[in-house]
Protein backbone atom coordinates (compact mmCIF):
# COMPACT_ATOMS: atom_id res chain seq x y z
CA UNK A 1 -1.94 -31.65 -42.32
CA UNK A 2 -3.70 -28.83 -43.36
CA UNK A 3 -6.33 -29.33 -40.91
CA UNK A 4 -3.42 -29.54 -37.93
CA UNK A 5 -1.72 -26.46 -39.53
CA UNK A 6 -5.13 -24.54 -39.08
CA UNK A 7 -5.88 -25.43 -35.74
CA UNK A 8 -2.43 -25.11 -34.70
CA UNK A 9 -2.74 -21.63 -36.48
CA UNK A 10 -6.04 -21.11 -34.35
CA UNK A 11 -4.25 -22.06 -30.95
CA UNK A 12 -1.23 -19.37 -31.87
CA UNK A 13 -3.93 -16.20 -33.06
CA UNK A 14 -5.78 -17.33 -29.25
CA UNK A 15 -2.56 -17.26 -27.21
CA UNK A 16 -1.10 -14.21 -28.90
CA UNK A 17 -4.87 -12.51 -28.44
CA UNK A 18 -3.86 -14.03 -24.88
CA UNK A 19 -0.78 -12.69 -24.56
CA UNK A 20 -2.10 -9.03 -24.83
CA UNK A 21 -4.88 -8.21 -22.53
CA UNK A 22 -4.02 -4.90 -21.77
CA UNK A 23 -3.98 -4.48 -17.96
CA UNK A 24 -2.94 -0.43 -16.82
CA UNK A 25 -2.43 -0.61 -13.18
CA UNK A 26 -1.87 3.07 -11.34
CA UNK A 27 0.15 3.57 -8.15
CA UNK A 28 -0.32 5.85 -5.58
CA UNK A 29 2.76 8.03 -5.40
CA UNK A 30 5.87 7.94 -7.61
CA UNK A 31 7.83 4.64 -8.07
CA UNK A 32 9.56 3.59 -5.11
CA UNK A 33 10.70 -0.04 -3.48
CA UNK A 34 7.22 -0.09 -1.95
CA UNK A 35 6.01 -0.59 -4.94
CA UNK A 36 8.38 -3.13 -5.80
CA UNK A 37 6.78 -6.32 -6.47
CA UNK A 38 4.78 -4.68 -9.09
CA UNK A 39 8.03 -3.63 -10.91
CA UNK A 40 9.46 -7.42 -10.12
CA UNK A 41 6.92 -9.09 -11.71
CA UNK A 42 6.73 -6.69 -14.45
CA UNK A 43 10.70 -7.02 -15.83
CA UNK A 44 10.41 -10.46 -14.98
CA UNK A 45 7.22 -11.02 -17.28
CA UNK A 46 5.38 -13.03 -14.77
CA UNK A 47 2.73 -10.98 -16.12
CA UNK A 48 3.03 -12.09 -19.49
CA UNK A 49 3.82 -15.28 -18.85
CA UNK A 50 -0.14 -15.58 -18.10
CA UNK A 51 -1.24 -13.56 -20.62
CA UNK A 52 -1.10 -9.53 -19.35
CA UNK A 53 0.50 -6.64 -21.03
CA UNK A 54 0.66 -4.51 -17.56
CA UNK A 55 1.14 -1.48 -17.81
CA UNK A 56 2.23 1.03 -14.26
CA UNK A 57 1.39 4.09 -13.82
CA UNK A 58 3.05 6.03 -10.79
CA UNK A 59 1.10 8.09 -8.79
CA UNK A 60 2.26 11.80 -7.23
CA UNK A 61 1.53 14.94 -5.90
CA UNK A 62 -0.41 16.18 -8.40
CA UNK A 63 -1.94 13.10 -9.68
CA UNK A 64 -5.70 11.43 -8.68
CA UNK A 65 -5.30 8.16 -9.77
CA UNK A 66 -8.08 6.72 -7.83
CA UNK A 67 -10.67 9.24 -9.92
CA UNK A 68 -8.84 7.49 -12.95
CA UNK A 69 -10.39 3.83 -11.45
CA UNK A 70 -13.95 6.02 -11.29
CA UNK A 71 -13.91 6.75 -14.47
CA UNK A 72 -12.40 3.63 -16.20
CA UNK A 73 -9.05 5.41 -17.53
CA UNK A 74 -7.41 2.26 -15.79
CA UNK A 75 -8.26 -1.15 -14.59
CA UNK A 76 -6.85 -1.59 -11.28
CA UNK A 77 -5.85 0.77 -8.58
CA UNK A 78 -3.46 0.32 -5.44
CA UNK A 79 -5.00 1.69 -2.86
CA UNK A 80 -3.25 3.63 0.43
CA UNK A 81 -5.63 1.76 3.02
CA UNK A 82 -9.10 0.77 3.86
CA UNK A 83 -10.97 3.97 4.91
CA UNK A 84 -10.23 6.05 1.52
CA UNK A 85 -11.85 2.34 0.08
CA UNK A 86 -14.86 2.19 3.03
CA UNK A 87 -15.57 6.05 2.25
CA UNK A 88 -15.52 5.30 -1.57
CA UNK A 89 -17.86 2.70 -0.91
CA UNK A 90 -20.28 4.89 1.25
CA UNK A 91 -21.22 7.27 -1.66
CA UNK A 92 -22.05 4.60 -3.31
CA UNK A 93 -18.20 4.40 -5.92
CA UNK A 94 -18.49 0.36 -6.97
CA UNK A 95 -15.24 -0.72 -5.92
CA UNK A 96 -14.11 -3.33 -4.50
CA UNK A 97 -10.90 -4.79 -3.13
CA UNK A 98 -9.30 -7.54 -4.73
CA UNK A 99 -6.06 -8.10 -2.96
CA UNK A 100 -4.03 -6.51 -0.09
CA UNK A 101 0.28 -6.63 -0.65
CA UNK A 102 0.87 -4.92 2.82
CA UNK A 103 -0.55 -6.91 5.85
CA UNK A 104 0.28 -3.98 7.93
CA UNK A 105 0.05 -0.15 6.95
CA UNK A 106 3.41 1.60 7.29
CA UNK A 107 1.98 4.23 9.03
CA UNK A 108 4.51 5.70 12.33
CA UNK A 109 5.11 8.06 14.79
CA UNK A 110 8.43 9.07 15.35
CA UNK A 111 10.13 10.89 18.37
CA UNK A 112 13.87 12.08 19.21
CA UNK A 113 16.69 9.57 20.01
CA UNK A 114 17.91 11.78 22.88
CA UNK A 115 14.29 13.32 23.85
CA UNK A 116 12.01 11.66 27.03
CA UNK A 117 9.96 10.12 24.23
CA UNK A 118 10.57 6.85 24.68
CA UNK A 119 8.09 4.59 24.51
CA UNK A 120 4.53 4.83 23.01
CA UNK A 121 2.86 5.45 26.39
CA UNK A 122 5.19 8.60 26.21
CA UNK A 123 4.15 9.93 23.26
CA UNK A 124 1.54 11.48 24.69
CA UNK A 125 3.79 13.95 26.15
CA UNK A 126 5.11 15.24 22.76
CA UNK A 127 4.51 18.88 22.65
CA UNK A 128 3.82 19.55 19.80
CA UNK A 129 3.04 16.47 17.71
CA UNK A 130 3.01 17.41 14.15
CA UNK A 131 0.57 15.45 12.35
CA UNK A 132 -0.94 16.31 8.78
CA UNK A 133 -4.20 17.64 8.28
CA UNK A 134 -5.26 14.16 6.46
CA UNK A 135 -3.86 12.37 9.51
CA UNK A 136 -5.69 14.36 11.35
CA UNK A 137 -9.45 13.26 10.84
CA UNK A 138 -7.93 9.78 10.45
CA UNK A 139 -5.32 7.96 12.30
CA UNK A 140 -5.22 10.26 14.93
CA UNK A 141 -8.51 10.55 15.73
CA UNK A 142 -7.69 6.77 16.69
CA UNK A 143 -5.06 7.57 18.72
CA UNK A 144 -6.96 10.46 20.41
CA UNK A 145 -9.83 7.80 21.20
CA UNK A 146 -7.84 4.54 21.96
CA UNK A 147 -5.07 6.50 23.79
CA UNK A 148 -6.09 9.51 24.98
CA UNK A 149 -3.66 11.83 22.24
CA UNK A 150 -4.66 15.49 22.54
CA UNK A 151 -5.66 17.19 19.74
CA UNK A 152 -4.45 20.91 20.88
CA UNK A 153 -0.64 19.50 20.96
CA UNK A 154 -1.51 19.01 17.60
CA UNK A 155 0.59 21.47 14.79
CA UNK A 156 -0.02 20.52 10.94
CA UNK A 157 2.84 18.41 9.57
CA UNK A 158 3.74 20.48 6.19
CA UNK A 159 6.51 17.29 5.33
CA UNK A 160 9.17 19.23 6.53
CA UNK A 161 11.22 18.33 9.20
CA UNK A 162 12.58 21.22 10.18
CA UNK A 163 9.93 21.93 13.24
CA UNK A 164 10.68 18.21 14.75
CA UNK A 165 14.46 18.42 14.39
CA UNK A 166 14.33 22.00 16.05
CA UNK A 167 12.71 20.05 19.20
CA UNK A 168 13.91 16.99 20.48
CA UNK A 169 10.91 16.31 22.43
CA UNK A 170 8.53 17.13 19.56
CA UNK A 171 6.84 13.81 17.44
CA UNK A 172 6.06 13.82 13.95
CA UNK A 173 3.63 11.07 12.13
CA UNK A 174 5.52 9.31 9.08
CA UNK A 175 5.96 6.60 6.77
CA UNK A 176 8.21 3.56 7.87
CA UNK A 177 10.18 3.62 5.01
CA UNK A 178 10.59 7.72 4.54
CA UNK A 179 11.38 9.65 7.58
CA UNK A 180 13.64 7.82 9.29
CA UNK A 181 15.59 7.18 6.03
CA UNK A 182 15.59 11.55 6.31
CA UNK A 183 16.01 11.71 10.06
CA UNK A 184 18.81 8.99 10.38
CA UNK A 185 20.87 11.59 7.37
CA UNK A 186 20.57 14.43 8.85
CA UNK A 187 21.09 12.87 12.88
CA UNK A 188 23.46 10.06 11.84
CA UNK A 189 21.00 7.87 14.05
CA UNK A 190 17.67 6.58 13.06
CA UNK A 191 14.74 7.84 15.71
CA UNK A 192 12.82 6.37 17.43
CA UNK A 193 10.40 4.54 15.37
CA UNK A 194 6.51 3.17 16.77
CA UNK A 195 4.60 1.44 13.83
CA UNK A 196 0.65 2.39 14.22
CA UNK A 197 -0.11 -0.87 13.22
CA UNK A 198 1.84 -2.61 15.88
CA UNK A 199 -0.08 -0.62 18.71
CA UNK A 200 -3.80 -1.54 16.72
CA UNK A 201 -4.02 0.35 13.81
CA UNK A 202 -5.17 -2.64 11.70
CA UNK A 203 -6.03 -1.83 8.43
CA UNK A 204 -4.56 -3.47 5.54
CA UNK A 205 -2.46 -0.95 2.85
CA UNK A 206 -0.98 -1.48 -0.52
CA UNK A 207 -4.67 -3.00 -1.52
CA UNK A 208 -5.54 -3.53 -5.16
CA UNK A 209 -9.18 -1.94 -6.14
CA UNK A 210 -11.38 -2.28 -9.01
CA UNK A 211 -14.46 -1.21 -10.27
CA UNK A 212 -17.47 -4.56 -9.49
CA UNK A 213 -17.75 -4.29 -13.23
CA UNK A 214 -14.28 -5.44 -13.86
CA UNK A 215 -14.85 -7.60 -11.61
CA UNK A 216 -17.29 -9.03 -13.29
CA UNK A 217 -15.96 -8.95 -16.93
CA UNK A 218 -12.16 -9.55 -16.84
CA UNK A 219 -11.79 -12.15 -13.99
CA UNK A 220 -8.95 -14.26 -15.61
CA UNK A 221 -6.81 -10.84 -15.83
CA UNK A 222 -7.86 -10.10 -11.96
CA UNK A 223 -6.29 -12.94 -11.03
CA UNK A 224 -3.41 -13.25 -13.17
CA UNK A 225 -2.25 -9.76 -11.99
CA UNK A 226 -3.01 -11.19 -8.36
CA UNK A 227 -1.02 -14.67 -9.12
CA UNK A 228 2.25 -12.62 -10.42
CA UNK A 229 2.32 -9.70 -8.21
CA UNK A 230 2.48 -12.54 -5.62
CA UNK A 231 5.85 -14.22 -7.15
CA UNK A 232 6.94 -10.41 -8.30
CA UNK A 233 7.01 -9.58 -4.27
CA UNK A 234 8.17 -12.73 -3.38
CA UNK A 235 11.63 -12.02 -5.23
CA UNK A 236 11.76 -8.80 -5.00
CA UNK A 237 12.11 -9.14 -1.25
CA UNK A 238 14.15 -12.56 -1.09
CA UNK A 239 15.72 -12.79 -4.43
CA UNK A 240 17.35 -10.34 -6.72
CA UNK A 241 15.69 -6.99 -7.53
CA UNK A 242 18.11 -5.48 -9.46
CA UNK A 243 16.54 -5.16 -12.60
CA UNK A 244 13.27 -4.18 -10.68
CA UNK A 245 15.41 -1.34 -8.89
CA UNK A 246 16.76 -0.18 -11.97
CA UNK A 247 13.34 0.20 -13.53
CA UNK A 248 12.42 1.93 -10.65
CA UNK A 249 15.14 4.45 -10.68
CA UNK A 250 14.22 5.40 -14.15
CA UNK A 251 10.52 5.90 -13.39
CA UNK A 252 11.72 8.00 -10.58
CA UNK A 253 15.40 9.42 -10.56
CA UNK A 254 15.08 11.25 -7.43
CA UNK A 255 15.84 7.17 -6.16
CA UNK A 256 18.45 5.88 -4.55
CA UNK A 257 20.28 2.64 -3.97
CA UNK A 258 20.83 3.80 -0.51
CA UNK A 259 17.71 4.76 -0.10
CA UNK A 260 16.11 1.17 -2.29
CA UNK A 261 17.55 -1.23 0.19
CA UNK A 262 17.06 1.29 3.12
CA UNK A 263 13.07 0.25 2.42
CA UNK A 264 13.65 -3.07 1.41
CA UNK A 265 15.30 -3.52 5.13
CA UNK A 266 12.59 -2.04 6.87
CA UNK A 267 9.20 -3.72 4.65
CA UNK A 268 11.68 -6.79 6.02
CA UNK A 269 11.93 -5.79 9.26
CA UNK A 270 8.58 -4.84 10.13
CA UNK A 271 6.73 -7.81 8.44
CA UNK A 272 5.46 -5.37 6.59
CA UNK A 273 4.56 -7.86 3.17
CA UNK A 274 4.73 -11.40 4.94
CA UNK A 275 3.25 -11.47 8.37
CA UNK A 276 0.09 -12.25 10.16
CA UNK A 277 -2.02 -13.91 8.03
CA UNK A 278 0.13 -13.80 4.91
CA UNK A 279 2.37 -16.46 6.68
CA UNK A 280 -0.24 -18.72 6.23
CA UNK A 281 -2.66 -18.04 3.23
CA UNK A 282 0.17 -16.47 1.14
CA UNK A 283 0.75 -12.76 0.55
CA UNK A 284 -1.72 -10.85 -0.70
CA UNK A 285 -4.14 -11.93 1.32
CA UNK A 286 -6.71 -10.60 3.61
CA UNK A 287 -9.50 -11.33 6.60
CA UNK A 288 -12.73 -10.36 6.65
CA UNK A 289 -13.08 -10.48 10.20
CA UNK A 290 -10.27 -8.13 10.50
CA UNK A 291 -11.38 -5.74 7.97
CA UNK A 292 -14.82 -5.93 10.14
CA UNK A 293 -13.08 -5.60 13.18
CA UNK A 294 -10.94 -2.25 11.80
CA UNK A 295 -14.59 -1.00 10.27
CA UNK A 296 -16.44 -0.96 13.76
CA UNK A 297 -13.71 0.92 15.50
CA UNK A 298 -13.39 2.97 13.03
CA UNK A 299 -17.05 3.43 12.77
CA UNK A 300 -17.62 3.95 16.57
CA UNK A 301 -14.58 6.96 16.12
CA UNK A 302 -15.90 8.65 13.52
CA UNK A 303 -13.14 7.91 11.24
CA UNK A 304 -15.05 6.09 8.27
CA UNK A 305 -19.08 6.68 6.89
CA UNK A 306 -21.64 3.85 7.61
CA UNK A 307 -21.58 0.93 5.51
CA UNK A 308 -24.72 -0.92 4.36
CA UNK A 309 -23.16 -4.09 4.52
CA UNK A 310 -18.99 -3.93 4.89
CA UNK A 311 -19.05 -6.91 3.18
CA UNK A 312 -19.60 -5.10 -0.27
CA UNK A 313 -15.74 -3.35 -0.26
CA UNK A 314 -13.97 -6.08 -0.60
CA UNK A 315 -13.69 -10.27 -2.28
CA UNK A 316 -11.83 -12.60 -1.62
CA UNK A 317 -12.27 -15.23 -5.10
CA UNK A 318 -9.24 -14.09 -6.32
CA UNK A 319 -6.60 -15.00 -2.97
CA UNK A 320 -8.87 -17.91 -1.94
CA UNK A 321 -5.32 -20.77 -1.96
């Protein structure tokens, strides 16, 4: 009996040590529905079920959570798209993608519903087109090379919709779940939305990134995080997301129920999370072939820096079925 009790006590201790494995996961912006699957997994205890104590740290305009990953102040980072990751690796920063929870980048161009810019081809005639400085050297370079957009028509987008609203024949960059919502509130009608992913800007987004050292030393923890996040995303989009949304609103008091509902509907409408290869291989999946094709095109257009081997930016070991 004493041996049995000692064994049970030992197993209890082992279980509790495992259950307290801490993962600090940082996003790249403030809490919002675009991060909903992670918050869902947190409030539903999906992470703790497989042994993790997860802390989610928000990003924002005054934070640099990617730098925190590099300096080992966090364990996992939610990246934007592949461009930053490729360029980081080109500078010998040992970061890899271990999953991608958005099959499509939510980057968009919008135009006025009552203007002349009704389809993608006509967007080239926008004068002006409002593009941020970062956009100018990334996706707008692709738009210039791939579709003949002109840099002379570009004006800086300062994340204020007023210049766009004042000119019905202008166009503006945006984020699928953000700018259209603001414009709809202003005009009473949604703008025309052109998702760049549907026109060939084929990057993955909402990537999960980790240092090579973390990938080597904490494989079980990373697997737990990804598997639990998959469950979280499925429930957030198609189940009861109320508890996750309450946590999002607590973390980000500017968030409203109306904005949350709008964002979730857009994520579902455009298949941001569950489309393409994810339909067969599951949420979080990414294809090396697609990464190679995107890298080749972006390298040709001088959007990214050259790598010795594009395979260095990812590992598929955590997303295999």
